[in-house]
Amino acid sequence: MEAIYRVDGATAATSPHAGGPWDPRLQHGAAPSSLICWAVERLPSPVPMRVARLTVDLMRPVPVAPLTIDTEVLREGRKIQLVAVRLLAEDKEVVRASVLRIRRQSEALPIDEPHPPLDLPLPEAGSDAMAGAMSDTPFLSGLLARNVKGAFGQAGPAAIWFHATRPIVEGEALSPLMRAAIAADFCNGTSAVLDFRRWTFINGDLTLSLAREPVGEWILLDAETWAGPDSIGLAAARLADRQGYFGRAVQSVLFEKRS
C-alpha cells in the first residue's frame, strides 16, 4: 500500500490517503500525530528513554500537502527529555507537539498487577466498525477496525480495536507508539454524543499518557465523550493491547452544527 508520507530530510511529501472526514483536502489528525511519533523516536537521548506523554496541538487545519518537520530538544537530562516538534505547511505552523521522554530502568517494580488486565473481547470477536460509517474517508482505507462495545457513529461510549495497515512513512515500519497515536485520535468519533450527519465534533488537541509501551499491531480504544453546555466537550479513552491497558488519551472537542 502507498504510504501516507515520503520523508526526504526534513520534508514529508503527503499522499491523498491522509485525507480526513471533514474535507479530503485536509489531513486526518491521526496522520500528523503518527508522523510526530516517528520523528521523536528517531531522536537520540543521553540514556535509554521512552515516550511517557505526548501532547499534540492542531494549530490550523493540516492540508494534504508537503510538510516540514522541525524538532528541538528543550530539556536534555539523564532522567527526562522534553522535545518540541513542529509541522509546517508553506512556512506556516499547522501542528505543534510537546513530548516527554523518561529514562528506562531495568529494575522491576514490586507490584503484582502493574496495569489493569483486558476486560473487553479481543479484535477477533468484534464486528467491522467502519461499515457504513465515514467509509469514504481516505485515511480509513488504511485501517482495520473491530467494534467490541457500542457502535462507531452512534451516540454513547464505545470500544474499538484499531489496526493500521497502511505505512505512515515510506520504507519504515509502524511502531507501537505510532499505532497508539493513530487509535487515540479516534476518541471523539468512537464515542460520539451527537449525530455525525448534523454535527461536527472536531478535536483541537490530543494527549497520550503511557504507563508502559504498547505492544503488537492491534490497539484498543475504550472511549467516552462528555459534552459541556457551551459547545465544548471532552473525549477520553483507555488504551489497551492484547496484554492489557497501558495508557489513556484525552481530546478537547468543539461541537458545531452543520450548515
C-alpha atoms as a PDB file:
ATOM      1  CA  MET A   1       0.000   0.000   0.000  1.00  0.00           C
ATOM      2  CA  GLU A   2       1.148   3.530  -0.716  1.00  0.00           C
ATOM      3  CA  ALA A   3       2.474   5.241   2.415  1.00  0.00           C
ATOM      4  CA  ILE A   4       0.947   8.402   3.873  1.00  0.00           C
ATOM      5  CA  TYR A   5       4.280  10.251   3.810  1.00  0.00           C
ATOM      6  CA  ARG A   6       7.514  10.098   1.873  1.00  0.00           C
ATOM      7  CA  VAL A   7      10.167  11.755   4.027  1.00  0.00           C
ATOM      8  CA  ASP A   8      13.279  13.306   2.497  1.00  0.00           C
ATOM      9  CA  GLY A   9      15.388  15.102   5.088  1.00  0.00           C
ATOM     10  CA  ALA A  10      13.044  17.476   6.908  1.00  0.00           C
ATOM     11  CA  THR A  11      10.327  17.393   4.237  1.00  0.00           C
ATOM     12  CA  ALA A  12       7.375  14.995   4.267  1.00  0.00           C
ATOM     13  CA  ALA A  13       5.501  14.700   0.974  1.00  0.00           C
ATOM     14  CA  THR A  14       1.873  13.776   1.700  1.00  0.00           C
ATOM     15  CA  SER A  15      -0.317  11.346  -0.238  1.00  0.00           C
ATOM     16  CA  PRO A  16      -4.091  11.812  -0.707  1.00  0.00           C
ATOM     17  CA  HIS A  17      -4.600   8.876   1.689  1.00  0.00           C
ATOM     18  CA  ALA A  18      -4.022  11.318   4.585  1.00  0.00           C
ATOM     19  CA  GLY A  19      -7.429  12.946   3.964  1.00  0.00           C
ATOM     20  CA  GLY A  20      -9.868  13.185   6.862  1.00  0.00           C
ATOM     21  CA  PRO A  21     -13.662  13.041   7.334  1.00  0.00           C
ATOM     22  CA  TRP A  22     -14.407  16.777   7.272  1.00  0.00           C
ATOM     23  CA  ASP A  23     -12.633  17.633   3.997  1.00  0.00           C
ATOM     24  CA  PRO A  24     -10.451  15.261   1.879  1.00  0.00           C
ATOM     25  CA  ARG A  25      -8.082  18.178   1.225  1.00  0.00           C
ATOM     26  CA  LEU A  26      -7.301  18.306   4.950  1.00  0.00           C
ATOM     27  CA  GLN A  27      -5.419  15.606   6.830  1.00  0.00           C
ATOM     28  CA  HIS A  28      -6.976  13.284   9.374  1.00  0.00           C
ATOM     29  CA  GLY A  29      -5.485  14.186  12.754  1.00  0.00           C
ATOM     30  CA  ALA A  30      -4.085  10.674  13.188  1.00  0.00           C
ATOM     31  CA  ALA A  31      -1.723  11.170  10.261  1.00  0.00           C
ATOM     32  CA  PRO A  32       0.380  14.094  11.582  1.00  0.00           C
ATOM     33  CA  SER A  33       0.199  12.702  15.128  1.00  0.00           C
ATOM     34  CA  SER A  34       1.787   9.434  13.999  1.00  0.00           C
ATOM     35  CA  LEU A  35       4.365  11.344  11.924  1.00  0.00           C
ATOM     36  CA  ILE A  36       5.363  13.241  15.079  1.00  0.00           C
ATOM     37  CA  CYS A  37       5.829   9.936  16.916  1.00  0.00           C
ATOM     38  CA  TRP A  38       8.040   8.693  14.083  1.00  0.00           C
ATOM     39  CA  ALA A  39      10.186  11.836  14.268  1.00  0.00           C
ATOM     40  CA  VAL A  40      10.566  11.716  18.060  1.00  0.00           C
ATOM     41  CA  GLU A  41      11.516   8.055  18.172  1.00  0.00           C
ATOM     42  CA  ARG A  42      14.463   8.831  15.903  1.00  0.00           C
ATOM     43  CA  LEU A  43      15.926  11.488  18.165  1.00  0.00           C
ATOM     44  CA  PRO A  44      18.949  10.482  20.278  1.00  0.00           C
ATOM     45  CA  SER A  45      18.826  10.554  24.081  1.00  0.00           C
ATOM     46  CA  PRO A  46      21.653  10.552  26.637  1.00  0.00           C
ATOM     47  CA  VAL A  47      20.315   7.330  28.225  1.00  0.00           C
ATOM     48  CA  PRO A  48      17.660   4.814  27.108  1.00  0.00           C
ATOM     49  CA  MET A  49      14.280   6.568  27.254  1.00  0.00           C
ATOM     50  CA  ARG A  50      10.720   6.106  26.063  1.00  0.00           C
ATOM     51  CA  VAL A  51       7.757   8.414  25.488  1.00  0.00           C
ATOM     52  CA  ALA A  52       5.639   8.864  28.627  1.00  0.00           C
ATOM     53  CA  ARG A  53       3.461  11.739  27.427  1.00  0.00           C
ATOM     54  CA  LEU A  54       2.647  13.201  24.011  1.00  0.00           C
ATOM     55  CA  THR A  55       0.543  16.337  23.535  1.00  0.00           C
ATOM     56  CA  VAL A  56      -0.402  17.447  20.025  1.00  0.00           C
ATOM     57  CA  ASP A  57      -1.973  20.851  19.384  1.00  0.00           C
ATOM     58  CA  LEU A  58      -3.624  21.315  15.991  1.00  0.00           C
ATOM     59  CA  MET A  59      -2.829  24.972  15.314  1.00  0.00           C
ATOM     60  CA  ARG A  60      -4.522  25.105  11.907  1.00  0.00           C
ATOM     61  CA  PRO A  61      -6.205  22.654   9.537  1.00  0.00           C
ATOM     62  CA  VAL A  62      -3.410  20.471   8.133  1.00  0.00           C
ATOM     63  CA  PRO A  63      -3.504  20.446   4.317  1.00  0.00           C
ATOM     64  CA  VAL A  64      -2.800  17.361   2.237  1.00  0.00           C
ATOM     65  CA  ALA A  65       0.447  18.942   1.092  1.00  0.00           C
ATOM     66  CA  PRO A  66       4.183  18.781   1.835  1.00  0.00           C
ATOM     67  CA  LEU A  67       5.086  19.334   5.479  1.00  0.00           C
ATOM     68  CA  THR A  68       8.335  20.482   7.064  1.00  0.00           C
ATOM     69  CA  ILE A  69       9.332  18.606  10.234  1.00  0.00           C
ATOM     70  CA  ASP A  70      11.124  20.721  12.846  1.00  0.00           C
ATOM     71  CA  THR A  71      12.349  19.134  16.090  1.00  0.00           C
ATOM     72  CA  GLU A  72      14.040  20.738  19.104  1.00  0.00           C
ATOM     73  CA  VAL A  73      15.208  19.278  22.406  1.00  0.00           C
ATOM     74  CA  LEU A  74      14.004  21.750  25.041  1.00  0.00           C
ATOM     75  CA  ARG A  75      15.295  19.925  28.103  1.00  0.00           C
ATOM     76  CA  GLU A  76      18.062  17.351  27.998  1.00  0.00           C
ATOM     77  CA  GLY A  77      18.653  15.394  31.167  1.00  0.00           C
ATOM     78  CA  ARG A  78      19.596  11.931  32.348  1.00  0.00           C
ATOM     79  CA  LYS A  79      16.095  11.356  33.760  1.00  0.00           C
ATOM     80  CA  ILE A  80      13.839  13.287  31.396  1.00  0.00           C
ATOM     81  CA  GLN A  81      13.965  14.752  27.924  1.00  0.00           C
ATOM     82  CA  LEU A  82      11.422  17.298  26.683  1.00  0.00           C
ATOM     83  CA  VAL A  83      11.085  17.590  22.905  1.00  0.00           C
ATOM     84  CA  ALA A  84       9.180  20.106  20.772  1.00  0.00           C
ATOM     85  CA  VAL A  85       8.031  19.099  17.309  1.00  0.00           C
ATOM     86  CA  ARG A  86       6.501  21.434  14.757  1.00  0.00           C
ATOM     87  CA  LEU A  87       4.940  20.629  11.401  1.00  0.00           C
ATOM     88  CA  LEU A  88       4.811  23.477   8.913  1.00  0.00           C
ATOM     89  CA  ALA A  89       2.964  23.867   5.607  1.00  0.00           C
ATOM     90  CA  GLU A  90       4.293  26.625   3.371  1.00  0.00           C
ATOM     91  CA  ASP A  91       6.204  28.026   6.358  1.00  0.00           C
ATOM     92  CA  LYS A  92       3.046  28.224   8.495  1.00  0.00           C
ATOM     93  CA  GLU A  93       2.933  26.194  11.695  1.00  0.00           C
ATOM     94  CA  VAL A  94      -0.004  23.789  11.474  1.00  0.00           C
ATOM     95  CA  VAL A  95       0.824  21.331  14.288  1.00  0.00           C
ATOM     96  CA  ARG A  96       2.811  21.762  17.492  1.00  0.00           C
ATOM     97  CA  ALA A  97       3.675  18.902  19.847  1.00  0.00           C
ATOM     98  CA  SER A  98       5.330  18.537  23.232  1.00  0.00           C
ATOM     99  CA  VAL A  99       6.790  15.122  24.013  1.00  0.00           C
ATOM    100  CA  LEU A 100       8.125  13.948  27.367  1.00  0.00           C
ATOM    101  CA  ARG A 101      10.553  11.037  27.373  1.00  0.00           C
ATOM    102  CA  ILE A 102      11.616   9.425  30.648  1.00  0.00           C
ATOM    103  CA  ARG A 103      14.604   7.236  31.484  1.00  0.00           C
ATOM    104  CA  ARG A 104      14.045   3.495  31.336  1.00  0.00           C
ATOM    105  CA  GLN A 105      15.076   1.363  34.300  1.00  0.00           C
ATOM    106  CA  SER A 106      15.546  -2.378  34.115  1.00  0.00           C
ATOM    107  CA  GLU A 107      14.560  -2.929  37.756  1.00  0.00           C
ATOM    108  CA  ALA A 108      11.022  -4.327  38.001  1.00  0.00           C
ATOM    109  CA  LEU A 109       8.631  -2.644  40.432  1.00  0.00           C
ATOM    110  CA  PRO A 110       7.286  -4.790  43.317  1.00  0.00           C
ATOM    111  CA  ILE A 111       3.683  -4.608  42.057  1.00  0.00           C
ATOM    112  CA  ASP A 112       1.660  -7.744  41.353  1.00  0.00           C
ATOM    113  CA  GLU A 113      -0.532  -6.170  38.655  1.00  0.00           C
ATOM    114  CA  PRO A 114       1.259  -3.096  37.252  1.00  0.00           C
ATOM    115  CA  HIS A 115      -1.530  -2.402  34.750  1.00  0.00           C
ATOM    116  CA  PRO A 116      -5.215  -3.415  34.556  1.00  0.00           C
ATOM    117  CA  PRO A 117      -5.950  -6.628  32.651  1.00  0.00           C
ATOM    118  CA  LEU A 118      -8.046  -6.551  29.500  1.00  0.00           C
ATOM    119  CA  ASP A 119     -11.777  -6.630  30.280  1.00  0.00           C
ATOM    120  CA  LEU A 120     -13.193  -6.453  26.734  1.00  0.00           C
ATOM    121  CA  PRO A 121     -13.210  -9.011  23.885  1.00  0.00           C
ATOM    122  CA  LEU A 122     -10.224  -9.356  21.549  1.00  0.00           C
ATOM    123  CA  PRO A 123     -10.495  -7.976  17.992  1.00  0.00           C
ATOM    124  CA  GLU A 124     -11.263 -11.399  16.531  1.00  0.00           C
ATOM    125  CA  ALA A 125     -14.575 -11.343  18.416  1.00  0.00           C
ATOM    126  CA  GLY A 126     -15.551  -7.891  17.131  1.00  0.00           C
ATOM    127  CA  SER A 127     -17.542  -6.717  14.113  1.00  0.00           C
ATOM    128  CA  ASP A 128     -16.461  -4.365  11.337  1.00  0.00           C
ATOM    129  CA  ALA A 129     -16.615  -0.941  12.984  1.00  0.00           C
ATOM    130  CA  MET A 130     -16.340   1.126   9.807  1.00  0.00           C
ATOM    131  CA  ALA A 131     -19.097  -0.439   7.720  1.00  0.00           C
ATOM    132  CA  GLY A 132     -21.278   2.465   6.602  1.00  0.00           C
ATOM    133  CA  ALA A 133     -19.555   4.941   8.932  1.00  0.00           C
ATOM    134  CA  MET A 134     -17.434   7.503   7.069  1.00  0.00           C
ATOM    135  CA  SER A 135     -16.213   4.675   4.843  1.00  0.00           C
ATOM    136  CA  ASP A 136     -15.274   7.188   2.134  1.00  0.00           C
ATOM    137  CA  THR A 137     -12.702   8.909   4.385  1.00  0.00           C
ATOM    138  CA  PRO A 138      -9.320   8.408   2.637  1.00  0.00           C
ATOM    139  CA  PHE A 139      -7.350   7.752   5.842  1.00  0.00           C
ATOM    140  CA  LEU A 140      -9.725   4.959   6.848  1.00  0.00           C
ATOM    141  CA  SER A 141      -8.728   2.934   3.773  1.00  0.00           C
ATOM    142  CA  GLY A 142      -5.551   2.040   5.672  1.00  0.00           C
ATOM    143  CA  LEU A 143      -7.259   0.837   8.845  1.00  0.00           C
ATOM    144  CA  LEU A 144      -8.919  -2.294  10.137  1.00  0.00           C
ATOM    145  CA  ALA A 145     -11.357  -1.650  12.985  1.00  0.00           C
ATOM    146  CA  ARG A 146     -13.279  -4.141  15.108  1.00  0.00           C
ATOM    147  CA  ASN A 147     -16.109  -2.981  17.351  1.00  0.00           C
ATOM    148  CA  VAL A 148     -16.453  -4.728  20.741  1.00  0.00           C
ATOM    149  CA  LYS A 149     -18.675  -2.283  22.679  1.00  0.00           C
ATOM    150  CA  GLY A 150     -21.254   0.231  21.481  1.00  0.00           C
ATOM    151  CA  ALA A 151     -21.025   1.253  17.827  1.00  0.00           C
ATOM    152  CA  PHE A 152     -18.994   3.679  15.739  1.00  0.00           C
ATOM    153  CA  GLY A 153     -21.085   6.687  14.693  1.00  0.00           C
ATOM    154  CA  GLN A 154     -23.761   6.045  17.304  1.00  0.00           C
ATOM    155  CA  ALA A 155     -24.251   8.003  20.497  1.00  0.00           C
ATOM    156  CA  GLY A 156     -22.703   6.703  23.694  1.00  0.00           C
ATOM    157  CA  PRO A 157     -19.463   5.099  24.908  1.00  0.00           C
ATOM    158  CA  ALA A 158     -17.836   2.596  22.571  1.00  0.00           C
ATOM    159  CA  ALA A 159     -14.728   0.445  22.291  1.00  0.00           C
ATOM    160  CA  ILE A 160     -12.958  -0.341  19.034  1.00  0.00           C
ATOM    161  CA  TRP A 161      -9.781  -2.248  18.193  1.00  0.00           C
ATOM    162  CA  PHE A 162      -7.691  -0.474  15.526  1.00  0.00           C
ATOM    163  CA  HIS A 163      -5.022  -1.980  13.279  1.00  0.00           C
ATOM    164  CA  ALA A 164      -3.221   0.415  10.931  1.00  0.00           C
ATOM    165  CA  THR A 165      -2.334  -1.453   7.722  1.00  0.00           C
ATOM    166  CA  ARG A 166      -1.043   1.414   5.574  1.00  0.00           C
ATOM    167  CA  PRO A 167       2.572   2.543   6.165  1.00  0.00           C
ATOM    168  CA  ILE A 168       2.833   6.028   7.618  1.00  0.00           C
ATOM    169  CA  VAL A 169       6.365   6.743   6.409  1.00  0.00           C
ATOM    170  CA  GLU A 170       7.541   5.086   3.213  1.00  0.00           C
ATOM    171  CA  GLY A 171      10.063   2.333   3.889  1.00  0.00           C
ATOM    172  CA  GLU A 172       9.534   2.421   7.655  1.00  0.00           C
ATOM    173  CA  ALA A 173       7.599   0.066   9.912  1.00  0.00           C
ATOM    174  CA  LEU A 174       4.880   1.423  12.190  1.00  0.00           C
ATOM    175  CA  SER A 175       5.997   1.426  15.807  1.00  0.00           C
ATOM    176  CA  PRO A 176       3.545   0.560  18.611  1.00  0.00           C
ATOM    177  CA  LEU A 177       3.670   4.224  19.683  1.00  0.00           C
ATOM    178  CA  MET A 178       2.598   5.336  16.210  1.00  0.00           C
ATOM    179  CA  ARG A 179      -0.225   2.798  16.289  1.00  0.00           C
ATOM    180  CA  ALA A 180      -1.354   4.092  19.681  1.00  0.00           C
ATOM    181  CA  ALA A 181      -1.417   7.687  18.413  1.00  0.00           C
ATOM    182  CA  ILE A 182      -3.494   6.658  15.395  1.00  0.00           C
ATOM    183  CA  ALA A 183      -6.069   4.864  17.546  1.00  0.00           C
ATOM    184  CA  ALA A 184      -6.180   7.644  20.143  1.00  0.00           C
ATOM    185  CA  ASP A 185      -7.140  10.263  17.573  1.00  0.00           C
ATOM    186  CA  PHE A 186     -10.456   8.434  17.054  1.00  0.00           C
ATOM    187  CA  CYS A 187     -11.703   9.233  20.592  1.00  0.00           C
ATOM    188  CA  ASN A 188     -14.228  11.863  19.517  1.00  0.00           C
ATOM    189  CA  GLY A 189     -15.599   9.742  16.671  1.00  0.00           C
ATOM    190  CA  THR A 190     -15.671   6.448  18.524  1.00  0.00           C
ATOM    191  CA  SER A 191     -17.688   7.851  21.429  1.00  0.00           C
ATOM    192  CA  ALA A 192     -19.932  10.330  19.616  1.00  0.00           C
ATOM    193  CA  VAL A 193     -22.717  12.062  21.568  1.00  0.00           C
ATOM    194  CA  LEU A 194     -24.293  13.815  18.569  1.00  0.00           C
ATOM    195  CA  ASP A 195     -25.426  12.770  15.083  1.00  0.00           C
ATOM    196  CA  PHE A 196     -22.463  12.988  12.685  1.00  0.00           C
ATOM    197  CA  ARG A 197     -24.840  13.934   9.845  1.00  0.00           C
ATOM    198  CA  ARG A 198     -25.972  17.071  11.698  1.00  0.00           C
ATOM    199  CA  TRP A 199     -22.973  17.982  13.821  1.00  0.00           C
ATOM    200  CA  THR A 200     -19.216  18.184  13.572  1.00  0.00           C
ATOM    201  CA  PHE A 201     -17.068  17.470  16.620  1.00  0.00           C
ATOM    202  CA  ILE A 202     -13.520  18.471  15.780  1.00  0.00           C
ATOM    203  CA  ASN A 203     -10.744  17.988  18.308  1.00  0.00           C
ATOM    204  CA  GLY A 204      -8.246  20.780  18.841  1.00  0.00           C
ATOM    205  CA  ASP A 205      -5.659  18.630  20.553  1.00  0.00           C
ATOM    206  CA  LEU A 206      -4.670  15.121  21.585  1.00  0.00           C
ATOM    207  CA  THR A 207      -2.788  13.949  24.671  1.00  0.00           C
ATOM    208  CA  LEU A 208      -1.493  10.423  25.252  1.00  0.00           C
ATOM    209  CA  SER A 209      -0.149   9.346  28.643  1.00  0.00           C
ATOM    210  CA  LEU A 210       1.516   5.945  28.705  1.00  0.00           C
ATOM    211  CA  ALA A 211       2.213   3.823  31.782  1.00  0.00           C
ATOM    212  CA  ARG A 212       4.094   1.372  29.571  1.00  0.00           C
ATOM    213  CA  GLU A 213       4.918   0.877  25.932  1.00  0.00           C
ATOM    214  CA  PRO A 214       2.187  -0.712  23.840  1.00  0.00           C
ATOM    215  CA  VAL A 215       2.958  -3.946  22.017  1.00  0.00           C
ATOM    216  CA  GLY A 216       1.621  -5.579  18.888  1.00  0.00           C
ATOM    217  CA  GLU A 217      -0.388  -4.336  15.928  1.00  0.00           C
ATOM    218  CA  TRP A 218      -3.879  -4.017  17.450  1.00  0.00           C
ATOM    219  CA  ILE A 219      -4.748  -1.126  19.794  1.00  0.00           C
ATOM    220  CA  LEU A 220      -7.999  -0.955  21.769  1.00  0.00           C
ATOM    221  CA  LEU A 221      -9.675   2.418  22.273  1.00  0.00           C
ATOM    222  CA  ASP A 222     -12.323   2.311  25.026  1.00  0.00           C
ATOM    223  CA  ALA A 223     -13.790   5.811  24.682  1.00  0.00           C
ATOM    224  CA  GLU A 224     -16.384   8.119  26.171  1.00  0.00           C
ATOM    225  CA  THR A 225     -17.324  11.725  25.356  1.00  0.00           C
ATOM    226  CA  TRP A 226     -18.700  14.327  27.744  1.00  0.00           C
ATOM    227  CA  ALA A 227     -20.397  17.416  26.297  1.00  0.00           C
ATOM    228  CA  GLY A 228     -20.484  20.705  28.181  1.00  0.00           C
ATOM    229  CA  PRO A 229     -23.236  23.348  27.925  1.00  0.00           C
ATOM    230  CA  ASP A 230     -21.203  25.695  25.713  1.00  0.00           C
ATOM    231  CA  SER A 231     -20.280  23.624  22.606  1.00  0.00           C
ATOM    232  CA  ILE A 232     -17.066  22.373  24.231  1.00  0.00           C
ATOM    233  CA  GLY A 233     -16.552  18.792  25.315  1.00  0.00           C
ATOM    234  CA  LEU A 234     -14.064  16.182  26.372  1.00  0.00           C
ATOM    235  CA  ALA A 235     -13.354  12.863  24.677  1.00  0.00           C
ATOM    236  CA  ALA A 236     -11.289  10.410  26.720  1.00  0.00           C
ATOM    237  CA  ALA A 237     -10.310   6.776  26.431  1.00  0.00           C
ATOM    238  CA  ARG A 238      -8.413   3.899  27.962  1.00  0.00           C
ATOM    239  CA  LEU A 239      -5.817   2.422  25.626  1.00  0.00           C
ATOM    240  CA  ALA A 240      -5.004  -1.288  25.610  1.00  0.00           C
ATOM    241  CA  ASP A 241      -3.274  -4.000  23.655  1.00  0.00           C
ATOM    242  CA  ARG A 242      -3.666  -7.761  23.969  1.00  0.00           C
ATOM    243  CA  GLN A 243      -1.693  -7.719  27.227  1.00  0.00           C
ATOM    244  CA  GLY A 244      -3.959  -5.200  28.980  1.00  0.00           C
ATOM    245  CA  TYR A 245      -4.345  -1.458  29.450  1.00  0.00           C
ATOM    246  CA  PHE A 246      -1.272   0.710  29.011  1.00  0.00           C
ATOM    247  CA  GLY A 247      -2.430   4.334  28.833  1.00  0.00           C
ATOM    248  CA  ARG A 248      -5.060   6.997  28.367  1.00  0.00           C
ATOM    249  CA  ALA A 249      -5.965   9.516  25.679  1.00  0.00           C
ATOM    250  CA  VAL A 250      -7.783  12.853  26.008  1.00  0.00           C
ATOM    251  CA  GLN A 251      -9.080  15.331  23.416  1.00  0.00           C
ATOM    252  CA  SER A 252     -10.699  18.760  23.722  1.00  0.00           C
ATOM    253  CA  VAL A 253     -13.690  18.828  21.369  1.00  0.00           C
ATOM    254  CA  LEU A 254     -15.588  21.641  19.649  1.00  0.00           C
ATOM    255  CA  PHE A 255     -19.199  20.861  18.665  1.00  0.00           C
ATOM    256  CA  GLU A 256     -20.684  22.779  15.738  1.00  0.00           C
ATOM    257  CA  LYS A 257     -23.957  22.376  13.853  1.00  0.00           C
ATOM    258  CA  ARG A 258     -23.518  21.649  10.160  1.00  0.00           C
ATOM    259  CA  SER A 259     -24.728  24.451   7.894  1.00  0.00           C
END
